[in-house]
Amino acid sequence: SIRWENLRDGMEDYEYFWLLAEEVKRVEALEGTKEWLAEAKRLLIVPEAVSKNLTQFTTDPRPILEHRDQVARMIERLKGIR
């Protein structure tokens, strides 16, 4: 059902944020890798275009999908840093 799909999407979004936060911690410990960290930390904050607070949020899926894509790409970038 649609509710289960939404629940799954929310769980996947949570996992993306968790993965990004873990990669930020890992990369922070490395020397000379500061260029991506500011952008990665910015992506950990839910933009106002998605949700202003717990009761005001968008019904348009585009901002959510765009932010999700940016988070996924950043995870891949940071995983490439050794």
PDB file of N, CA and C in Angstrom:
ATOM      1  N   SER A   1       0.834  -1.185   0.000  1.00  0.00           N
ATOM      2  CA  SER A   1       0.000   0.000   0.000  1.00  0.00           C
ATOM      3  C   SER A   1       0.882   1.253   0.000  1.00  0.00           C
ATOM      4  N   ILE A   2       0.278   2.366  -0.252  1.00  0.00           N
ATOM      5  CA  ILE A   2       1.012   3.637  -0.291  1.00  0.00           C
ATOM      6  C   ILE A   2       1.607   3.967   1.070  1.00  0.00           C
ATOM      7  N   ARG A   3       0.900   3.652   2.139  1.00  0.00           N
ATOM      8  CA  ARG A   3       1.430   3.942   3.480  1.00  0.00           C
ATOM      9  C   ARG A   3       2.714   3.168   3.748  1.00  0.00           C
ATOM     10  N   TRP A   4       2.746   1.906   3.367  1.00  0.00           N
ATOM     11  CA  TRP A   4       3.954   1.108   3.558  1.00  0.00           C
ATOM     12  C   TRP A   4       5.099   1.650   2.713  1.00  0.00           C
ATOM     13  N   GLU A   5       4.787   2.072   1.494  1.00  0.00           N
ATOM     14  CA  GLU A   5       5.816   2.650   0.637  1.00  0.00           C
ATOM     15  C   GLU A   5       6.379   3.924   1.247  1.00  0.00           C
ATOM     16  N   ASN A   6       5.519   4.764   1.809  1.00  0.00           N
ATOM     17  CA  ASN A   6       5.972   5.992   2.466  1.00  0.00           C
ATOM     18  C   ASN A   6       6.816   5.679   3.693  1.00  0.00           C
ATOM     19  N   LEU A   7       6.411   4.672   4.455  1.00  0.00           N
ATOM     20  CA  LEU A   7       7.179   4.269   5.626  1.00  0.00           C
ATOM     21  C   LEU A   7       8.565   3.775   5.203  1.00  0.00           C
ATOM     22  N   ARG A   8       8.615   2.958   4.162  1.00  0.00           N
ATOM     23  CA  ARG A   8       9.895   2.465   3.647  1.00  0.00           C
ATOM     24  C   ARG A   8      10.773   3.626   3.181  1.00  0.00           C
ATOM     25  N   ASP A   9      10.188   4.580   2.452  1.00  0.00           N
ATOM     26  CA  ASP A   9      10.955   5.742   1.988  1.00  0.00           C
ATOM     27  C   ASP A   9      11.530   6.514   3.165  1.00  0.00           C
ATOM     28  N   GLY A  10      10.733   6.684   4.216  1.00  0.00           N
ATOM     29  CA  GLY A  10      11.211   7.394   5.402  1.00  0.00           C
ATOM     30  C   GLY A  10      12.357   6.666   6.078  1.00  0.00           C
ATOM     31  N   MET A  11      12.272   5.357   6.141  1.00  0.00           N
ATOM     32  CA  MET A  11      13.349   4.565   6.733  1.00  0.00           C
ATOM     33  C   MET A  11      14.617   4.658   5.883  1.00  0.00           C
ATOM     34  N   GLU A  12      14.457   4.649   4.572  1.00  0.00           N
ATOM     35  CA  GLU A  12      15.612   4.794   3.686  1.00  0.00           C
ATOM     36  C   GLU A  12      16.236   6.178   3.827  1.00  0.00           C
ATOM     37  N   ASP A  13      15.401   7.211   3.947  1.00  0.00           N
ATOM     38  CA  ASP A  13      15.930   8.562   4.152  1.00  0.00           C
ATOM     39  C   ASP A  13      16.726   8.637   5.451  1.00  0.00           C
ATOM     40  N   TYR A  14      16.197   8.044   6.517  1.00  0.00           N
ATOM     41  CA  TYR A  14      16.903   8.028   7.797  1.00  0.00           C
ATOM     42  C   TYR A  14      18.258   7.340   7.641  1.00  0.00           C
ATOM     43  N   GLU A  15      18.273   6.214   6.927  1.00  0.00           N
ATOM     44  CA  GLU A  15      19.522   5.491   6.723  1.00  0.00           C
ATOM     45  C   GLU A  15      20.509   6.326   5.911  1.00  0.00           C
ATOM     46  N   TYR A  16      20.043   7.064   4.909  1.00  0.00           N
ATOM     47  CA  TYR A  16      20.918   7.949   4.138  1.00  0.00           C
ATOM     48  C   TYR A  16      21.568   8.986   5.050  1.00  0.00           C
ATOM     49  N   PHE A  17      20.762   9.610   5.919  1.00  0.00           N
ATOM     50  CA  PHE A  17      21.312  10.607   6.836  1.00  0.00           C
ATOM     51  C   PHE A  17      22.314   9.969   7.791  1.00  0.00           C
ATOM     52  N   TRP A  18      22.013   8.764   8.268  1.00  0.00           N
ATOM     53  CA  TRP A  18      22.931   8.060   9.165  1.00  0.00           C
ATOM     54  C   TRP A  18      24.234   7.747   8.438  1.00  0.00           C
ATOM     55  N   LEU A  19      24.137   7.209   7.218  1.00  0.00           N
ATOM     56  CA  LEU A  19      25.336   6.896   6.437  1.00  0.00           C
ATOM     57  C   LEU A  19      26.176   8.141   6.185  1.00  0.00           C
ATOM     58  N   LEU A  20      25.520   9.245   5.841  1.00  0.00           N
ATOM     59  CA  LEU A  20      26.254  10.486   5.592  1.00  0.00           C
ATOM     60  C   LEU A  20      26.945  10.961   6.867  1.00  0.00           C
ATOM     61  N   ALA A  21      26.254  10.906   7.993  1.00  0.00           N
ATOM     62  CA  ALA A  21      26.855  11.332   9.263  1.00  0.00           C
ATOM     63  C   ALA A  21      28.065  10.459   9.605  1.00  0.00           C
ATOM     64  N   GLU A  22      27.977   9.158   9.366  1.00  0.00           N
ATOM     65  CA  GLU A  22      29.105   8.259   9.624  1.00  0.00           C
ATOM     66  C   GLU A  22      30.284   8.567   8.710  1.00  0.00           C
ATOM     67  N   GLU A  23      30.008   8.851   7.447  1.00  0.00           N
ATOM     68  CA  GLU A  23      31.083   9.198   6.511  1.00  0.00           C
ATOM     69  C   GLU A  23      31.732  10.523   6.898  1.00  0.00           C
ATOM     70  N   VAL A  24      30.933  11.480   7.352  1.00  0.00           N
ATOM     71  CA  VAL A  24      31.484  12.764   7.803  1.00  0.00           C
ATOM     72  C   VAL A  24      32.445  12.521   8.962  1.00  0.00           C
ATOM     73  N   LYS A  25      32.040  11.693   9.933  1.00  0.00           N
ATOM     74  CA  LYS A  25      32.922  11.391  11.068  1.00  0.00           C
ATOM     75  C   LYS A  25      34.218  10.744  10.592  1.00  0.00           C
ATOM     76  N   ARG A  26      34.100   9.791   9.678  1.00  0.00           N
ATOM     77  CA  ARG A  26      35.281   9.085   9.192  1.00  0.00           C
ATOM     78  C   ARG A  26      36.239  10.037   8.471  1.00  0.00           C
ATOM     79  N   VAL A  27      35.675  10.870   7.594  1.00  0.00           N
ATOM     80  CA  VAL A  27      36.510  11.771   6.796  1.00  0.00           C
ATOM     81  C   VAL A  27      37.107  12.876   7.662  1.00  0.00           C
ATOM     82  N   GLU A  28      36.403  13.293   8.700  1.00  0.00           N
ATOM     83  CA  GLU A  28      36.945  14.323   9.601  1.00  0.00           C
ATOM     84  C   GLU A  28      38.246  13.855  10.253  1.00  0.00           C
ATOM     85  N   ALA A  29      38.367  12.557  10.455  1.00  0.00           N
ATOM     86  CA  ALA A  29      39.563  12.011  11.100  1.00  0.00           C
ATOM     87  C   ALA A  29      40.766  11.974  10.157  1.00  0.00           C
ATOM     88  N   LEU A  30      40.541  12.123   8.870  1.00  0.00           N
ATOM     89  CA  LEU A  30      41.625  12.086   7.894  1.00  0.00           C
ATOM     90  C   LEU A  30      42.235  13.470   7.706  1.00  0.00           C
ATOM     91  N   GLU A  31      43.489  13.504   7.355  1.00  0.00           N
ATOM     92  CA  GLU A  31      44.169  14.772   7.093  1.00  0.00           C
ATOM     93  C   GLU A  31      43.885  15.240   5.667  1.00  0.00           C
ATOM     94  N   GLY A  32      43.719  16.520   5.464  1.00  0.00           N
ATOM     95  CA  GLY A  32      43.620  17.104   4.130  1.00  0.00           C
ATOM     96  C   GLY A  32      42.349  16.781   3.359  1.00  0.00           C
ATOM     97  N   THR A  33      41.251  16.513   4.050  1.00  0.00           N
ATOM     98  CA  THR A  33      40.005  16.160   3.354  1.00  0.00           C
ATOM     99  C   THR A  33      38.874  17.111   3.744  1.00  0.00           C
ATOM    100  N   LYS A  34      39.176  18.348   4.024  1.00  0.00           N
ATOM    101  CA  LYS A  34      38.182  19.288   4.552  1.00  0.00           C
ATOM    102  C   LYS A  34      37.269  19.894   3.483  1.00  0.00           C
ATOM    103  N   GLU A  35      37.636  19.794   2.200  1.00  0.00           N
ATOM    104  CA  GLU A  35      36.876  20.506   1.169  1.00  0.00           C
ATOM    105  C   GLU A  35      35.433  20.031   1.038  1.00  0.00           C
ATOM    106  N   TRP A  36      35.167  18.745   1.236  1.00  0.00           N
ATOM    107  CA  TRP A  36      33.810  18.229   1.078  1.00  0.00           C
ATOM    108  C   TRP A  36      33.012  18.280   2.374  1.00  0.00           C
ATOM    109  N   LEU A  37      33.678  18.473   3.497  1.00  0.00           N
ATOM    110  CA  LEU A  37      32.993  18.367   4.783  1.00  0.00           C
ATOM    111  C   LEU A  37      31.938  19.444   5.001  1.00  0.00           C
ATOM    112  N   ALA A  38      32.210  20.667   4.628  1.00  0.00           N
ATOM    113  CA  ALA A  38      31.225  21.739   4.832  1.00  0.00           C
ATOM    114  C   ALA A  38      29.950  21.450   4.054  1.00  0.00           C
ATOM    115  N   GLU A  39      30.098  21.021   2.818  1.00  0.00           N
ATOM    116  CA  GLU A  39      28.919  20.695   2.006  1.00  0.00           C
ATOM    117  C   GLU A  39      28.195  19.477   2.571  1.00  0.00           C
ATOM    118  N   ALA A  40      28.947  18.468   3.008  1.00  0.00           N
ATOM    119  CA  ALA A  40      28.334  17.268   3.575  1.00  0.00           C
ATOM    120  C   ALA A  40      27.551  17.601   4.841  1.00  0.00           C
ATOM    121  N   LYS A  41      28.118  18.442   5.700  1.00  0.00           N
ATOM    122  CA  LYS A  41      27.414  18.835   6.927  1.00  0.00           C
ATOM    123  C   LYS A  41      26.161  19.642   6.610  1.00  0.00           C
ATOM    124  N   ARG A  42      26.236  20.457   5.566  1.00  0.00           N
ATOM    125  CA  ARG A  42      25.062  21.230   5.159  1.00  0.00           C
ATOM    126  C   ARG A  42      23.932  20.292   4.732  1.00  0.00           C
ATOM    127  N   LEU A  43      24.281  19.197   4.072  1.00  0.00           N
ATOM    128  CA  LEU A  43      23.270  18.244   3.611  1.00  0.00           C
ATOM    129  C   LEU A  43      22.615  17.476   4.754  1.00  0.00           C
ATOM    130  N   LEU A  44      23.248  17.454   5.918  1.00  0.00           N
ATOM    131  CA  LEU A  44      22.650  16.778   7.073  1.00  0.00           C
ATOM    132  C   LEU A  44      21.487  17.567   7.672  1.00  0.00           C
ATOM    133  N   ILE A  45      21.349  18.810   7.254  1.00  0.00           N
ATOM    134  CA  ILE A  45      20.244  19.655   7.729  1.00  0.00           C
ATOM    135  C   ILE A  45      19.129  19.597   6.695  1.00  0.00           C
ATOM    136  N   VAL A  46      17.933  19.273   7.148  1.00  0.00           N
ATOM    137  CA  VAL A  46      16.792  19.199   6.233  1.00  0.00           C
ATOM    138  C   VAL A  46      16.459  20.615   5.783  1.00  0.00           C
ATOM    139  N   PRO A  47      16.451  20.865   4.463  1.00  0.00           N
ATOM    140  CA  PRO A  47      16.180  22.223   3.973  1.00  0.00           C
ATOM    141  C   PRO A  47      14.733  22.646   4.233  1.00  0.00           C
ATOM    142  N   GLU A  48      14.545  23.954   4.364  1.00  0.00           N
ATOM    143  CA  GLU A  48      13.193  24.480   4.613  1.00  0.00           C
ATOM    144  C   GLU A  48      12.247  24.187   3.460  1.00  0.00           C
ATOM    145  N   ALA A  49      12.776  23.982   2.266  1.00  0.00           N
ATOM    146  CA  ALA A  49      11.928  23.627   1.125  1.00  0.00           C
ATOM    147  C   ALA A  49      11.274  22.260   1.334  1.00  0.00           C
ATOM    148  N   VAL A  50      11.868  21.443   2.192  1.00  0.00           N
ATOM    149  CA  VAL A  50      11.309  20.125   2.507  1.00  0.00           C
ATOM    150  C   VAL A  50      10.439  20.216   3.752  1.00  0.00           C
ATOM    151  N   SER A  51      10.984  20.789   4.826  1.00  0.00           N
ATOM    152  CA  SER A  51      10.245  20.872   6.087  1.00  0.00           C
ATOM    153  C   SER A  51      10.742  22.052   6.910  1.00  0.00           C
ATOM    154  N   LYS A  52       9.812  22.922   7.298  1.00  0.00           N
ATOM    155  CA  LYS A  52      10.171  24.062   8.136  1.00  0.00           C
ATOM    156  C   LYS A  52      10.193  23.666   9.606  1.00  0.00           C
ATOM    157  N   ASN A  53       9.308  22.769   9.989  1.00  0.00           N
ATOM    158  CA  ASN A  53       9.245  22.237  11.349  1.00  0.00           C
ATOM    159  C   ASN A  53       8.431  20.937  11.310  1.00  0.00           C
ATOM    160  N   LEU A  54       8.047  20.431  12.444  1.00  0.00           N
ATOM    161  CA  LEU A  54       7.340  19.143  12.480  1.00  0.00           C
ATOM    162  C   LEU A  54       5.918  19.204  11.946  1.00  0.00           C
ATOM    163  N   THR A  55       5.383  20.393  11.771  1.00  0.00           N
ATOM    164  CA  THR A  55       4.007  20.500  11.278  1.00  0.00           C
ATOM    165  C   THR A  55       3.896  21.176   9.919  1.00  0.00           C
ATOM    166  N   GLN A  56       4.961  21.799   9.447  1.00  0.00           N
ATOM    167  CA  GLN A  56       4.955  22.466   8.140  1.00  0.00           C
ATOM    168  C   GLN A  56       5.967  21.799   7.225  1.00  0.00           C
ATOM    169  N   PHE A  57       5.468  21.167   6.184  1.00  0.00           N
ATOM    170  CA  PHE A  57       6.338  20.455   5.256  1.00  0.00           C
ATOM    171  C   PHE A  57       5.715  20.503   3.870  1.00  0.00           C
ATOM    172  N   THR A  58       6.522  20.215   2.875  1.00  0.00           N
ATOM    173  CA  THR A  58       6.061  20.269   1.497  1.00  0.00           C
ATOM    174  C   THR A  58       5.236  19.034   1.143  1.00  0.00           C
ATOM    175  N   THR A  59       4.334  19.218   0.224  1.00  0.00           N
ATOM    176  CA  THR A  59       3.600  18.078  -0.340  1.00  0.00           C
ATOM    177  C   THR A  59       4.097  17.771  -1.751  1.00  0.00           C
ATOM    178  N   ASP A  60       5.047  18.592  -2.198  1.00  0.00           N
ATOM    179  CA  ASP A  60       5.669  18.401  -3.509  1.00  0.00           C
ATOM    180  C   ASP A  60       6.863  17.461  -3.347  1.00  0.00           C
ATOM    181  N   PRO A  61       6.885  16.338  -4.036  1.00  0.00           N
ATOM    182  CA  PRO A  61       7.993  15.386  -3.849  1.00  0.00           C
ATOM    183  C   PRO A  61       9.326  15.849  -4.442  1.00  0.00           C
ATOM    184  N   ARG A  62       9.327  16.829  -5.328  1.00  0.00           N
ATOM    185  CA  ARG A  62      10.566  17.232  -5.994  1.00  0.00           C
ATOM    186  C   ARG A  62      11.669  17.697  -5.046  1.00  0.00           C
ATOM    187  N   PRO A  63      11.389  18.599  -4.085  1.00  0.00           N
ATOM    188  CA  PRO A  63      12.480  19.013  -3.184  1.00  0.00           C
ATOM    189  C   PRO A  63      13.023  17.844  -2.351  1.00  0.00           C
ATOM    190  N   ILE A  64      12.154  16.933  -1.973  1.00  0.00           N
ATOM    191  CA  ILE A  64      12.581  15.772  -1.200  1.00  0.00           C
ATOM    192  C   ILE A  64      13.493  14.893  -2.046  1.00  0.00           C
ATOM    193  N   LEU A  65      13.072  14.620  -3.266  1.00  0.00           N
ATOM    194  CA  LEU A  65      13.861  13.777  -4.159  1.00  0.00           C
ATOM    195  C   LEU A  65      15.195  14.419  -4.516  1.00  0.00           C
ATOM    196  N   GLU A  66      15.200  15.733  -4.707  1.00  0.00           N
ATOM    197  CA  GLU A  66      16.450  16.439  -5.016  1.00  0.00           C
ATOM    198  C   GLU A  66      17.434  16.350  -3.851  1.00  0.00           C
ATOM    199  N   HIS A  67      16.925  16.573  -2.635  1.00  0.00           N
ATOM    200  CA  HIS A  67      17.812  16.507  -1.463  1.00  0.00           C
ATOM    201  C   HIS A  67      18.309  15.077  -1.260  1.00  0.00           C
ATOM    202  N   ARG A  68      17.438  14.104  -1.431  1.00  0.00           N
ATOM    203  CA  ARG A  68      17.823  12.696  -1.301  1.00  0.00           C
ATOM    204  C   ARG A  68      18.939  12.367  -2.294  1.00  0.00           C
ATOM    205  N   ASP A  69      18.822  12.854  -3.509  1.00  0.00           N
ATOM    206  CA  ASP A  69      19.840  12.607  -4.530  1.00  0.00           C
ATOM    207  C   ASP A  69      21.169  13.253  -4.137  1.00  0.00           C
ATOM    208  N   GLN A  70      21.121  14.473  -3.625  1.00  0.00           N
ATOM    209  CA  GLN A  70      22.345  15.159  -3.205  1.00  0.00           C
ATOM    210  C   GLN A  70      23.028  14.410  -2.061  1.00  0.00           C
ATOM    211  N   VAL A  71      22.225  13.921  -1.112  1.00  0.00           N
ATOM    212  CA  VAL A  71      22.780  13.164   0.011  1.00  0.00           C
ATOM    213  C   VAL A  71      23.443  11.887  -0.505  1.00  0.00           C
ATOM    214  N   ALA A  72      22.769  11.171  -1.394  1.00  0.00           N
ATOM    215  CA  ALA A  72      23.322   9.922  -1.940  1.00  0.00           C
ATOM    216  C   ALA A  72      24.627  10.181  -2.681  1.00  0.00           C
ATOM    217  N   ARG A  73      24.672  11.232  -3.473  1.00  0.00           N
ATOM    218  CA  ARG A  73      25.899  11.547  -4.217  1.00  0.00           C
ATOM    219  C   ARG A  73      27.048  11.910  -3.270  1.00  0.00           C
ATOM    220  N   MET A  74      26.726  12.612  -2.193  1.00  0.00           N
ATOM    221  CA  MET A  74      27.757  12.986  -1.231  1.00  0.00           C
ATOM    222  C   MET A  74      28.283  11.752  -0.504  1.00  0.00           C
ATOM    223  N   ILE A  75      27.411  10.821  -0.169  1.00  0.00           N
ATOM    224  CA  ILE A  75      27.859   9.579   0.465  1.00  0.00           C
ATOM    225  C   ILE A  75      28.858   8.878  -0.450  1.00  0.00           C
ATOM    226  N   GLU A  76      28.525   8.788  -1.726  1.00  0.00           N
ATOM    227  CA  GLU A  76      29.427   8.141  -2.680  1.00  0.00           C
ATOM    228  C   GLU A  76      30.756   8.880  -2.780  1.00  0.00           C
ATOM    229  N   ARG A  77      30.722  10.214  -2.804  1.00  0.00           N
ATOM    230  CA  ARG A  77      31.957  11.015  -2.856  1.00  0.00           C
ATOM    231  C   ARG A  77      32.844  10.754  -1.646  1.00  0.00           C
ATOM    232  N   LEU A  78      32.218  10.797  -0.469  1.00  0.00           N
ATOM    233  CA  LEU A  78      32.997  10.632   0.748  1.00  0.00           C
ATOM    234  C   LEU A  78      33.530   9.215   0.877  1.00  0.00           C
ATOM    235  N   LYS A  79      32.781   8.224   0.421  1.00  0.00           N
ATOM    236  CA  LYS A  79      33.275   6.847   0.473  1.00  0.00           C
ATOM    237  C   LYS A  79      34.523   6.677  -0.399  1.00  0.00           C
ATOM    238  N   GLY A  80      34.663   7.509  -1.412  1.00  0.00           N
ATOM    239  CA  GLY A  80      35.832   7.448  -2.284  1.00  0.00           C
ATOM    240  C   GLY A  80      37.080   8.052  -1.675  1.00  0.00           C
ATOM    241  N   ILE A  81      36.941   8.780  -0.582  1.00  0.00           N
ATOM    242  CA  ILE A  81      38.094   9.408   0.083  1.00  0.00           C
ATOM    243  C   ILE A  81      38.731   8.404   1.017  1.00  0.00           C
ATOM    244  N   ARG A  82      39.981   8.168   0.827  1.00  0.00           N
ATOM    245  CA  ARG A  82      40.723   7.213   1.666  1.00  0.00           C
ATOM    246  C   ARG A  82      41.838   7.924   2.390  1.00  0.00           C
TER     247      ARG A  82
END
